[in-house]
Amino acid sequence: MQDCISVKDLKVFAYHGVLPEEKRQGQYFYLDIALYGDFLIPCLTDRVEDTVNYDEVCNCACRAMTENTFDLIERAAQVVCDSILRQFEKVSEVEVTLKKPHAPVKCDIAYAAVTIRRAREVLR
């Protein structure tokens, strides 16, 4: 059994999208991040050093989103997953939902999104 630490609606301004204006003007994206692992030790010790610090996870995800520019939100979400798995050894799996509320579509939508889940053993 694995425990889960989650972050909801992390707001990041970045420059991802297929259209040139998306890369030029940028837009807000929102990330939901679920971190899976065995977090029994921090449950017993109550020490931040024994867990995955979600502030550091948020900073890691923000860097992954802002240091790169991609056409697809699928690729951006993959890079966020890879970055988290590389930085946080206590995370065995990570699930990222990347939401794009200002997707350039002709219909009225709350957002377009992709959800991917990656495990440490498939880290590239």
C-alpha atoms as a PDB file:
ATOM      1  CA  MET A   1       0.000   0.000   0.000  1.00  0.00           C
ATOM      2  CA  GLN A   2       1.218   3.493  -0.811  1.00  0.00           C
ATOM      3  CA  ASP A   3       0.412   6.803   0.798  1.00  0.00           C
ATOM      4  CA  CYS A   4      -0.312   9.945  -1.199  1.00  0.00           C
ATOM      5  CA  ILE A   5       0.683  13.570  -0.695  1.00  0.00           C
ATOM      6  CA  SER A   6      -1.183  15.900  -3.028  1.00  0.00           C
ATOM      7  CA  VAL A   7      -1.068  19.477  -4.235  1.00  0.00           C
ATOM      8  CA  LYS A   8      -4.089  20.942  -6.022  1.00  0.00           C
ATOM      9  CA  ASP A   9      -4.233  23.804  -8.523  1.00  0.00           C
ATOM     10  CA  LEU A  10      -0.627  24.957  -8.414  1.00  0.00           C
ATOM     11  CA  LYS A  11      -0.794  28.099 -10.576  1.00  0.00           C
ATOM     12  CA  VAL A  12       2.111  28.603 -12.994  1.00  0.00           C
ATOM     13  CA  PHE A  13       2.550  31.197 -15.743  1.00  0.00           C
ATOM     14  CA  ALA A  14       4.347  29.602 -18.700  1.00  0.00           C
ATOM     15  CA  TYR A  15       4.706  29.642 -22.468  1.00  0.00           C
ATOM     16  CA  HIS A  16       3.417  26.307 -23.775  1.00  0.00           C
ATOM     17  CA  GLY A  17       1.182  25.795 -26.785  1.00  0.00           C
ATOM     18  CA  VAL A  18       1.097  25.036 -30.474  1.00  0.00           C
ATOM     19  CA  LEU A  19       0.163  28.560 -31.543  1.00  0.00           C
ATOM     20  CA  PRO A  20       2.900  31.226 -31.818  1.00  0.00           C
ATOM     21  CA  GLU A  21       0.900  33.670 -29.679  1.00  0.00           C
ATOM     22  CA  GLU A  22       0.766  31.116 -26.838  1.00  0.00           C
ATOM     23  CA  LYS A  23       4.547  30.978 -26.807  1.00  0.00           C
ATOM     24  CA  ARG A  24       4.820  34.765 -27.102  1.00  0.00           C
ATOM     25  CA  GLN A  25       2.132  35.894 -24.630  1.00  0.00           C
ATOM     26  CA  GLY A  26       2.087  32.970 -22.216  1.00  0.00           C
ATOM     27  CA  GLN A  27      -0.808  31.924 -19.997  1.00  0.00           C
ATOM     28  CA  TYR A  28      -1.633  30.371 -16.649  1.00  0.00           C
ATOM     29  CA  PHE A  29      -1.598  26.622 -16.192  1.00  0.00           C
ATOM     30  CA  TYR A  30      -2.780  24.701 -13.122  1.00  0.00           C
ATOM     31  CA  LEU A  31      -1.220  21.501 -11.849  1.00  0.00           C
ATOM     32  CA  ASP A  32      -2.601  18.826  -9.575  1.00  0.00           C
ATOM     33  CA  ILE A  33       0.256  16.689  -8.284  1.00  0.00           C
ATOM     34  CA  ALA A  34      -0.079  13.389  -6.413  1.00  0.00           C
ATOM     35  CA  LEU A  35       3.048  11.915  -4.834  1.00  0.00           C
ATOM     36  CA  TYR A  36       2.924   8.218  -3.974  1.00  0.00           C
ATOM     37  CA  GLY A  37       5.267   6.455  -1.603  1.00  0.00           C
ATOM     38  CA  ASP A  38       5.674   4.923   1.822  1.00  0.00           C
ATOM     39  CA  PHE A  39       5.240   7.851   4.205  1.00  0.00           C
ATOM     40  CA  LEU A  40       4.928   5.818   7.421  1.00  0.00           C
ATOM     41  CA  ILE A  41       8.102   7.242   8.954  1.00  0.00           C
ATOM     42  CA  PRO A  42       6.980  10.900   8.828  1.00  0.00           C
ATOM     43  CA  CYS A  43       3.597   9.804  10.185  1.00  0.00           C
ATOM     44  CA  LEU A  44       5.442   8.490  13.242  1.00  0.00           C
ATOM     45  CA  THR A  45       8.178  11.118  13.638  1.00  0.00           C
ATOM     46  CA  ASP A  46       6.308  14.316  12.698  1.00  0.00           C
ATOM     47  CA  ARG A  47       9.530  15.598  11.108  1.00  0.00           C
ATOM     48  CA  VAL A  48       9.502  17.433   7.763  1.00  0.00           C
ATOM     49  CA  GLU A  49      12.959  15.965   7.055  1.00  0.00           C
ATOM     50  CA  ASP A  50      11.385  12.499   6.883  1.00  0.00           C
ATOM     51  CA  THR A  51       8.767  13.333   4.275  1.00  0.00           C
ATOM     52  CA  VAL A  52       8.490  14.946   0.859  1.00  0.00           C
ATOM     53  CA  ASN A  53       8.267  18.689   1.394  1.00  0.00           C
ATOM     54  CA  TYR A  54       5.421  19.882  -0.818  1.00  0.00           C
ATOM     55  CA  ASP A  55       6.848  23.415  -0.932  1.00  0.00           C
ATOM     56  CA  GLU A  56       9.960  21.976  -2.584  1.00  0.00           C
ATOM     57  CA  VAL A  57       7.779  19.886  -4.911  1.00  0.00           C
ATOM     58  CA  CYS A  58       5.891  23.023  -5.974  1.00  0.00           C
ATOM     59  CA  ASN A  59       9.162  24.832  -6.672  1.00  0.00           C
ATOM     60  CA  CYS A  60      10.433  21.860  -8.677  1.00  0.00           C
ATOM     61  CA  ALA A  61       7.231  21.738 -10.760  1.00  0.00           C
ATOM     62  CA  CYS A  62       7.323  25.505 -11.355  1.00  0.00           C
ATOM     63  CA  ARG A  63      10.920  25.299 -12.584  1.00  0.00           C
ATOM     64  CA  ALA A  64      10.051  22.430 -14.932  1.00  0.00           C
ATOM     65  CA  MET A  65       7.141  24.429 -16.349  1.00  0.00           C
ATOM     66  CA  THR A  66       9.017  27.719 -16.768  1.00  0.00           C
ATOM     67  CA  GLU A  67      12.498  26.618 -17.851  1.00  0.00           C
ATOM     68  CA  ASN A  68      11.118  24.949 -20.974  1.00  0.00           C
ATOM     69  CA  THR A  69       8.665  25.701 -23.777  1.00  0.00           C
ATOM     70  CA  PHE A  70       6.644  22.890 -25.330  1.00  0.00           C
ATOM     71  CA  ASP A  71       3.927  22.605 -27.935  1.00  0.00           C
ATOM     72  CA  LEU A  72       1.972  19.981 -26.010  1.00  0.00           C
ATOM     73  CA  ILE A  73       0.759  19.885 -22.428  1.00  0.00           C
ATOM     74  CA  GLU A  74       1.486  16.151 -22.551  1.00  0.00           C
ATOM     75  CA  ARG A  75       5.203  16.893 -22.895  1.00  0.00           C
ATOM     76  CA  ALA A  76       5.110  19.572 -20.191  1.00  0.00           C
ATOM     77  CA  ALA A  77       3.425  17.144 -17.769  1.00  0.00           C
ATOM     78  CA  GLN A  78       6.043  14.479 -18.569  1.00  0.00           C
ATOM     79  CA  VAL A  79       8.877  16.890 -17.772  1.00  0.00           C
ATOM     80  CA  VAL A  80       7.219  17.789 -14.452  1.00  0.00           C
ATOM     81  CA  CYS A  81       6.946  14.085 -13.560  1.00  0.00           C
ATOM     82  CA  ASP A  82      10.563  13.413 -14.536  1.00  0.00           C
ATOM     83  CA  SER A  83      11.794  16.393 -12.513  1.00  0.00           C
ATOM     84  CA  ILE A  84       9.909  15.317  -9.391  1.00  0.00           C
ATOM     85  CA  LEU A  85      11.079  11.710  -9.630  1.00  0.00           C
ATOM     86  CA  ARG A  86      14.684  12.844 -10.084  1.00  0.00           C
ATOM     87  CA  GLN A  87      14.643  15.247  -7.127  1.00  0.00           C
ATOM     88  CA  PHE A  88      12.591  13.298  -4.564  1.00  0.00           C
ATOM     89  CA  GLU A  89      13.807   9.774  -3.954  1.00  0.00           C
ATOM     90  CA  LYS A  90      10.994   9.017  -1.467  1.00  0.00           C
ATOM     91  CA  VAL A  91       8.446   9.348  -4.291  1.00  0.00           C
ATOM     92  CA  SER A  92       7.916   6.019  -6.033  1.00  0.00           C
ATOM     93  CA  GLU A  93       5.174   7.277  -8.374  1.00  0.00           C
ATOM     94  CA  VAL A  94       3.868  10.677  -9.358  1.00  0.00           C
ATOM     95  CA  GLU A  95       0.639  11.676 -11.056  1.00  0.00           C
ATOM     96  CA  VAL A  96       0.339  15.090 -12.680  1.00  0.00           C
ATOM     97  CA  THR A  97      -2.793  16.659 -14.096  1.00  0.00           C
ATOM     98  CA  LEU A  98      -1.899  19.738 -16.123  1.00  0.00           C
ATOM     99  CA  LYS A  99      -4.856  22.019 -16.824  1.00  0.00           C
ATOM    100  CA  LYS A 100      -4.913  24.688 -19.506  1.00  0.00           C
ATOM    101  CA  PRO A 101      -7.887  26.974 -18.804  1.00  0.00           C
ATOM    102  CA  HIS A 102      -7.256  29.280 -21.764  1.00  0.00           C
ATOM    103  CA  ALA A 103      -6.858  26.617 -24.410  1.00  0.00           C
ATOM    104  CA  PRO A 104      -7.547  28.121 -27.837  1.00  0.00           C
ATOM    105  CA  VAL A 105     -10.722  26.214 -28.678  1.00  0.00           C
ATOM    106  CA  LYS A 106     -13.955  27.529 -30.143  1.00  0.00           C
ATOM    107  CA  CYS A 107     -16.135  25.942 -27.486  1.00  0.00           C
ATOM    108  CA  ASP A 108     -16.818  27.114 -23.938  1.00  0.00           C
ATOM    109  CA  ILE A 109     -14.711  24.904 -21.649  1.00  0.00           C
ATOM    110  CA  ALA A 110     -13.386  25.250 -18.123  1.00  0.00           C
ATOM    111  CA  TYR A 111     -10.024  23.852 -19.237  1.00  0.00           C
ATOM    112  CA  ALA A 112      -8.279  21.271 -21.375  1.00  0.00           C
ATOM    113  CA  ALA A 113      -6.106  18.864 -19.390  1.00  0.00           C
ATOM    114  CA  VAL A 114      -3.874  15.838 -19.454  1.00  0.00           C
ATOM    115  CA  THR A 115      -3.197  13.425 -16.606  1.00  0.00           C
ATOM    116  CA  ILE A 116      -0.143  11.202 -16.586  1.00  0.00           C
ATOM    117  CA  ARG A 117       1.222   8.864 -13.939  1.00  0.00           C
ATOM    118  CA  ARG A 118       4.826   7.761 -13.956  1.00  0.00           C
ATOM    119  CA  ALA A 119       6.787   5.382 -11.738  1.00  0.00           C
ATOM    120  CA  ARG A 120      10.402   5.667 -10.747  1.00  0.00           C
ATOM    121  CA  GLU A 121      11.435   2.516 -12.651  1.00  0.00           C
ATOM    122  CA  VAL A 122      10.472   4.061 -16.018  1.00  0.00           C
ATOM    123  CA  LEU A 123      12.365   7.318 -15.407  1.00  0.00           C
ATOM    124  CA  ARG A 124      14.281   8.353 -18.490  1.00  0.00           C
END
